[in-house]
Protein backbone atom coordinates (compact mmCIF):
# COMPACT_ATOMS: atom_id res chain seq x y z
CA MET A 1 6.54 -13.89 7.79
CA GLU A 2 10.30 -13.82 9.11
CA LEU A 3 11.59 -10.77 10.56
CA PHE A 4 14.17 -10.22 7.26
CA THR A 5 11.02 -10.74 4.98
CA ILE A 6 9.37 -7.78 6.82
CA LEU A 7 12.54 -5.82 6.57
CA GLY A 8 13.17 -6.00 3.31
CA TYR A 9 9.31 -5.19 2.18
CA ILE A 10 10.08 -1.90 4.56
CA GLY A 11 13.38 -1.55 2.80
CA ALA A 12 11.34 -1.70 -0.75
CA LEU A 13 9.56 1.66 0.31
CA LEU A 14 13.30 3.41 0.92
CA ILE A 15 14.44 2.34 -2.53
CA GLY A 16 11.87 4.40 -4.03
CA VAL A 17 12.26 7.32 -1.37
CA ALA A 18 15.97 7.26 -2.14
CA LEU A 19 15.44 7.40 -5.92
CA GLY A 20 12.66 10.35 -5.56
CA LEU A 21 14.84 12.14 -3.12
CA ILE A 22 18.50 12.05 -4.73
CA GLY A 23 17.97 10.61 -8.44
CA GLY A 24 20.02 7.42 -7.47
CA GLY A 25 20.74 5.18 -4.34
CA GLY A 26 17.95 2.75 -5.34
CA SER A 27 20.24 -0.03 -6.52
CA ILE A 28 22.72 0.75 -3.53
CA LEU A 29 19.50 -0.73 -1.38
CA THR A 30 17.79 -2.96 -3.82
CA LEU A 31 20.86 -5.58 -4.56
CA PRO A 32 21.65 -5.81 -0.44
CA ILE A 33 18.08 -6.36 0.33
CA LEU A 34 17.64 -8.90 -2.36
CA VAL A 35 20.72 -11.08 -1.34
CA TYR A 36 21.13 -10.50 2.44
CA PHE A 37 16.95 -10.11 2.99
CA PHE A 38 15.36 -12.41 0.71
CA HIS A 39 18.29 -14.78 -0.03
CA ILE A 40 18.54 -14.22 -3.62
CA GLY A 41 21.61 -15.21 -5.48
CA ALA A 42 24.08 -12.24 -6.35
CA GLY A 43 25.61 -13.82 -9.51
CA ASP A 44 22.26 -13.88 -11.77
CA TYR A 45 18.80 -13.19 -9.95
CA ALA A 46 19.75 -10.31 -7.85
CA PRO A 47 21.23 -8.41 -10.28
CA ALA A 48 18.21 -9.22 -12.75
CA TYR A 49 15.61 -8.35 -10.41
CA SER A 50 17.58 -5.08 -9.30
CA LEU A 51 17.47 -3.76 -12.44
CA PHE A 52 13.75 -4.41 -12.90
CA ILE A 53 12.72 -2.84 -9.55
CA VAL A 54 14.93 0.09 -9.85
CA GLY A 55 14.16 0.50 -13.58
CA ILE A 56 10.23 0.43 -13.23
CA THR A 57 10.41 2.72 -10.28
CA ALA A 58 12.75 5.13 -11.87
CA LEU A 59 10.60 5.36 -14.72
CA VAL A 60 7.57 6.69 -12.37
CA GLY A 61 10.32 9.03 -11.03
CA GLY A 62 11.51 10.29 -13.93
CA ILE A 63 8.18 11.01 -15.40
CA GLN A 64 7.39 13.23 -12.45
CA LYS A 65 10.72 15.01 -12.77
CA PHE A 66 9.97 15.76 -16.31
CA ARG A 67 6.77 17.27 -15.62
CA GLN A 68 8.38 19.79 -13.17
CA LYS A 69 10.99 20.52 -16.27
CA LEU A 70 13.82 18.81 -14.13
CA VAL A 71 15.15 16.73 -16.94
CA ASP A 72 18.13 17.88 -19.54
CA ILE A 73 16.65 15.83 -22.82
CA LYS A 74 20.08 16.49 -24.65
CA VAL A 75 22.24 15.19 -21.64
CA PHE A 76 19.83 12.18 -21.38
CA LEU A 77 20.15 11.23 -24.69
CA LEU A 78 23.96 11.83 -24.69
CA PHE A 79 24.47 9.63 -21.89
CA GLY A 80 21.73 7.15 -22.10
CA ILE A 81 22.51 5.63 -25.69
CA PRO A 82 25.82 4.58 -24.92
CA SER A 83 24.74 3.58 -21.47
CA VAL A 84 21.43 1.36 -22.63
CA VAL A 85 23.96 -0.47 -25.74
CA ALA A 86 26.43 -0.97 -22.79
CA VAL A 87 24.24 -2.32 -20.18
CA TYR A 88 22.23 -4.70 -22.70
CA LEU A 89 25.50 -6.44 -24.41
CA THR A 90 27.08 -6.60 -20.78
CA ARG A 91 23.70 -8.52 -19.41
CA HIS A 92 22.79 -10.55 -22.62
CA SER A 93 26.93 -11.80 -23.35
CA LEU A 94 29.14 -11.04 -20.84
CA VAL A 95 27.55 -11.84 -17.58
CA PRO A 96 26.58 -15.29 -18.61
CA SER A 97 30.05 -15.91 -19.60
CA ILE A 98 31.38 -15.45 -15.92
CA PRO A 99 32.13 -18.65 -14.20
CA ASP A 100 30.60 -19.41 -10.49
CA ILE A 101 34.49 -19.98 -9.42
CA ILE A 102 37.27 -18.01 -11.00
CA HIS A 103 40.70 -19.04 -10.52
CA ILE A 104 43.53 -16.78 -10.05
CA GLY A 105 46.75 -18.92 -9.42
CA ASP A 106 46.24 -20.34 -6.12
CA TYR A 107 43.13 -18.33 -5.24
CA GLU A 108 39.26 -19.19 -6.17
CA LEU A 109 36.92 -15.83 -6.20
CA SER A 110 33.62 -16.72 -6.46
CA LYS A 111 31.35 -14.87 -8.88
CA ARG A 112 29.26 -13.67 -5.67
CA LEU A 113 32.46 -11.93 -4.19
CA LEU A 114 33.28 -10.20 -7.86
CA VAL A 115 29.87 -8.89 -8.03
CA MET A 116 29.41 -7.70 -4.55
CA GLY A 117 32.85 -6.70 -4.56
CA LEU A 118 33.03 -4.39 -7.36
CA PHE A 119 29.41 -2.87 -6.66
CA ALA A 120 31.09 -1.73 -3.39
CA LEU A 121 34.22 -0.49 -4.44
CA LEU A 122 32.02 1.61 -7.08
CA MET A 123 30.12 3.25 -4.43
CA VAL A 124 33.21 4.18 -2.58
CA ALA A 125 34.99 5.75 -5.42
CA ALA A 126 31.45 7.75 -6.76
CA SER A 127 30.75 8.61 -2.63
CA ILE A 128 34.29 10.24 -2.49
CA SER A 129 33.72 12.62 -5.67
CA MET A 130 31.02 13.80 -4.31
CA ILE A 131 31.56 14.53 -0.50
CA ARG A 132 35.07 16.13 -1.72
CA GLY A 133 33.20 18.23 -4.65
CA LYS A 134 32.65 21.89 -4.49
CA ASP A 135 29.11 23.12 -4.25
CA LYS A 136 28.02 24.32 -7.37
CA GLU A 137 24.45 24.84 -8.86
CA GLU A 138 24.89 26.25 -12.00
CA ILE A 139 27.67 26.37 -14.75
CA THR A 140 27.58 28.22 -17.89
CA VAL A 141 26.38 26.66 -21.06
CA SER A 142 29.67 26.86 -23.21
CA LYS A 143 31.71 24.99 -20.45
CA LYS A 144 29.03 22.21 -20.38
CA ALA A 145 29.03 22.14 -24.39
CA THR A 146 32.81 21.40 -24.22
CA LYS A 147 31.99 18.30 -21.90
CA TYR A 148 29.27 16.51 -23.91
CA HIS A 149 31.96 14.34 -25.56
CA TRP A 150 33.05 12.98 -21.92
CA VAL A 151 29.17 12.71 -21.48
CA LEU A 152 28.93 9.93 -24.29
CA ALA A 153 32.41 8.22 -22.73
CA GLU A 154 30.88 8.40 -19.30
CA GLY A 155 27.53 6.74 -20.36
CA LEU A 156 29.59 3.75 -22.06
CA VAL A 157 31.91 3.10 -19.19
CA VAL A 158 29.05 3.28 -16.63
CA GLY A 159 26.43 1.35 -18.73
CA THR A 160 28.81 -1.34 -18.84
CA LEU A 161 29.67 -1.46 -14.96
CA THR A 162 26.26 -1.16 -13.71
CA GLY A 163 25.25 -3.99 -16.34
CA LEU A 164 28.12 -6.33 -14.67
CA VAL A 165 26.82 -5.67 -11.23
CA GLY A 166 22.91 -5.35 -12.10
CA ALA A 167 22.69 -1.54 -10.75
CA GLY A 168 20.64 1.29 -11.63
CA GLY A 169 23.90 3.32 -11.63
CA GLY A 170 22.51 6.49 -10.20
CA PHE A 171 25.70 6.68 -7.58
CA LEU A 172 27.86 7.10 -10.98
CA ILE A 173 25.46 8.59 -12.80
CA ILE A 174 24.68 11.66 -10.45
CA PRO A 175 28.64 12.32 -9.81
CA ALA A 176 29.05 12.31 -14.05
CA LEU A 177 26.02 14.77 -14.47
CA VAL A 178 27.04 17.09 -11.75
CA LYS A 179 30.45 17.05 -12.51
CA ILE A 180 31.09 16.16 -15.97
CA SER A 181 27.91 17.49 -17.93
CA GLY A 182 27.93 20.37 -15.05
CA LEU A 183 23.97 19.90 -14.16
CA PRO A 184 22.32 21.61 -11.38
CA MET A 185 21.80 18.81 -8.85
CA LYS A 186 18.22 19.09 -8.92
CA ILE A 187 18.07 18.45 -13.15
CA ALA A 188 21.04 15.96 -12.56
CA VAL A 189 18.44 13.98 -10.30
CA GLY A 190 15.58 14.25 -12.85
CA THR A 191 17.91 13.13 -15.79
CA SER A 192 19.31 10.30 -13.63
CA LEU A 193 15.86 9.04 -13.48
CA LEU A 194 15.49 8.38 -17.12
CA ILE A 195 18.64 7.21 -17.73
CA ILE A 196 18.44 4.71 -14.98
CA ALA A 197 14.69 3.81 -16.06
CA THR A 198 15.85 3.18 -19.79
CA LYS A 199 18.85 1.69 -19.29
CA SER A 200 17.84 -0.83 -16.07
CA LEU A 201 14.78 -1.91 -17.83
CA LEU A 202 16.50 -2.69 -21.30
CA GLY A 203 19.11 -4.29 -19.45
CA PHE A 204 16.51 -6.41 -17.53
CA VAL A 205 15.52 -7.72 -21.34
CA GLY A 206 19.06 -9.37 -21.50
CA ASP A 207 18.12 -11.62 -18.55
CA ILE A 208 14.64 -12.26 -19.47
CA GLU A 209 15.80 -14.96 -21.80
CA ARG A 210 17.94 -16.87 -19.64
CA LEU A 211 16.53 -16.77 -16.26
CA THR A 212 12.66 -17.68 -14.65
CA ILE A 213 11.66 -14.73 -13.24
CA ASP A 214 9.40 -14.68 -10.55
CA TRP A 215 6.79 -11.80 -11.31
CA THR A 216 4.87 -11.75 -8.42
CA PHE A 217 7.64 -11.14 -6.22
CA ILE A 218 9.59 -8.26 -8.18
CA LEU A 219 6.02 -6.56 -8.95
CA SER A 220 5.13 -6.41 -5.27
CA LEU A 221 8.13 -5.12 -4.40
CA SER A 222 8.04 -2.21 -7.19
CA ALA A 223 4.45 -1.45 -6.22
CA LEU A 224 6.01 -0.46 -2.68
CA ALA A 225 9.17 1.18 -4.31
CA ILE A 226 6.72 3.25 -6.26
CA VAL A 227 4.74 4.50 -3.28
CA GLY A 228 8.04 5.55 -1.90
CA ILE A 229 9.35 7.69 -4.85
CA PHE A 230 6.29 9.85 -4.86
CA VAL A 231 7.45 10.58 -1.08
CA GLY A 232 11.02 11.06 -2.12
CA ASN A 233 9.95 13.34 -4.85
CA LYS A 234 7.94 15.73 -2.97
CA LEU A 235 10.74 15.86 0.00
CA SER A 236 13.16 16.69 -2.73
CA LEU A 237 11.38 20.06 -3.66
CA ARG A 238 11.84 21.23 0.11
CA ILE A 239 15.61 20.36 0.25
CA SER A 240 18.21 22.40 -1.89
CA GLY A 241 20.85 20.72 -4.06
CA ASP A 242 23.91 21.18 -1.83
CA LYS A 243 22.52 19.20 0.78
CA LEU A 244 21.31 16.55 -1.51
CA LYS A 245 24.54 15.94 -3.13
CA LYS A 246 26.52 15.99 0.08
CA ALA A 247 23.89 13.59 1.84
CA PHE A 248 23.92 11.21 -1.31
CA GLY A 249 27.69 11.08 -0.89
CA TRP A 250 27.65 10.15 2.37
CA PHE A 251 24.97 7.84 2.00
CA THR A 252 26.53 6.02 -1.04
CA LEU A 253 29.94 5.87 0.98
CA ALA A 254 28.11 4.25 4.20
CA MET A 255 26.52 1.53 2.23
CA GLY A 256 29.71 0.63 -0.04
CA LEU A 257 31.58 -0.25 3.26
CA VAL A 258 28.71 -2.07 4.94
CA VAL A 259 28.65 -4.24 1.73
CA LEU A 260 32.47 -4.58 1.67
CA PHE A 261 32.42 -5.75 5.26
CA VAL A 262 29.71 -8.35 5.14
CA GLU A 263 30.97 -9.74 1.81
CA LEU A 264 35.06 -9.68 3.45
CA LYS A 265 34.07 -10.75 6.81
C-alpha cells in the first residue's frame, strides 16, 4: 500500500474527529484527501464522494448530539430545507453543465481549479469571521427571532455554494448559526451536523444518476470517519464553546491557504 494511501485512510479518521469536535471541517479534509491522496478527480467524483462520506458521518454525529439535547430543531428546519433544495439542484443540474475548460478571454480556467479555488476562498472567508468574532455563548430569544429570515437566506446561499464544491459546508454553516441565528457554539455544532447530513446525502443523490460510484471505497472511508466522530464527540464535551470556535476558525484558515497554494503553484 502506498504512503499516500495510508495517509488518506488516517485522514479519514480525522474527518470524523473534526466533525464530532467542531460540527464541521469534514469536507475541509475530505476533498483534499480524495484529490491529493487518492487522486480522485476534483471536477466530479471527489465532490460527489465527499458529499457521501461527510453526510453519512455527520448523520451519526448528529444523532449523538440530538440525544444530548444539543440540536435546535427550529433552526435546523429553517436553514436545512432551503439548503437541501439548493444543493440538490446544484449537483443535479448546475455542476453537470460546467465544461471541463472555461474560456475567459484568452485565459483558460479548468473545472478543477474553479472547484478547488472556490472551495479554498470560501474557507478563508468563513474562517476570518470566526477568528475575529466576539466570544459569546448566549443570546436572547428575541434577538434570535428577528434573524430567522436571514437564516433562510443563508441556507439557500450555503446550499448552492457547497453543492458546487461538494462540501458538507460546516465551515460556512457554523459561522451562520453562531452569528446570524445566535446559537451557542455547542448547539450550533449539533445543529450543523444534522444540516450537513441532510443536504450532503440528498445532494449525493443528484450524482448517483450520472456517476459510477465505487461503493467499496467510499464505504470504507466512511466507516473510518464514523469511528473518528465518536472520538471527536467525546472530546467536544470537555472543551468550551469559545475555544472550539477560535480553533475552528484557525483550522479552516490554514486548510484554505494550503489548498490555494497547491492549486496555484
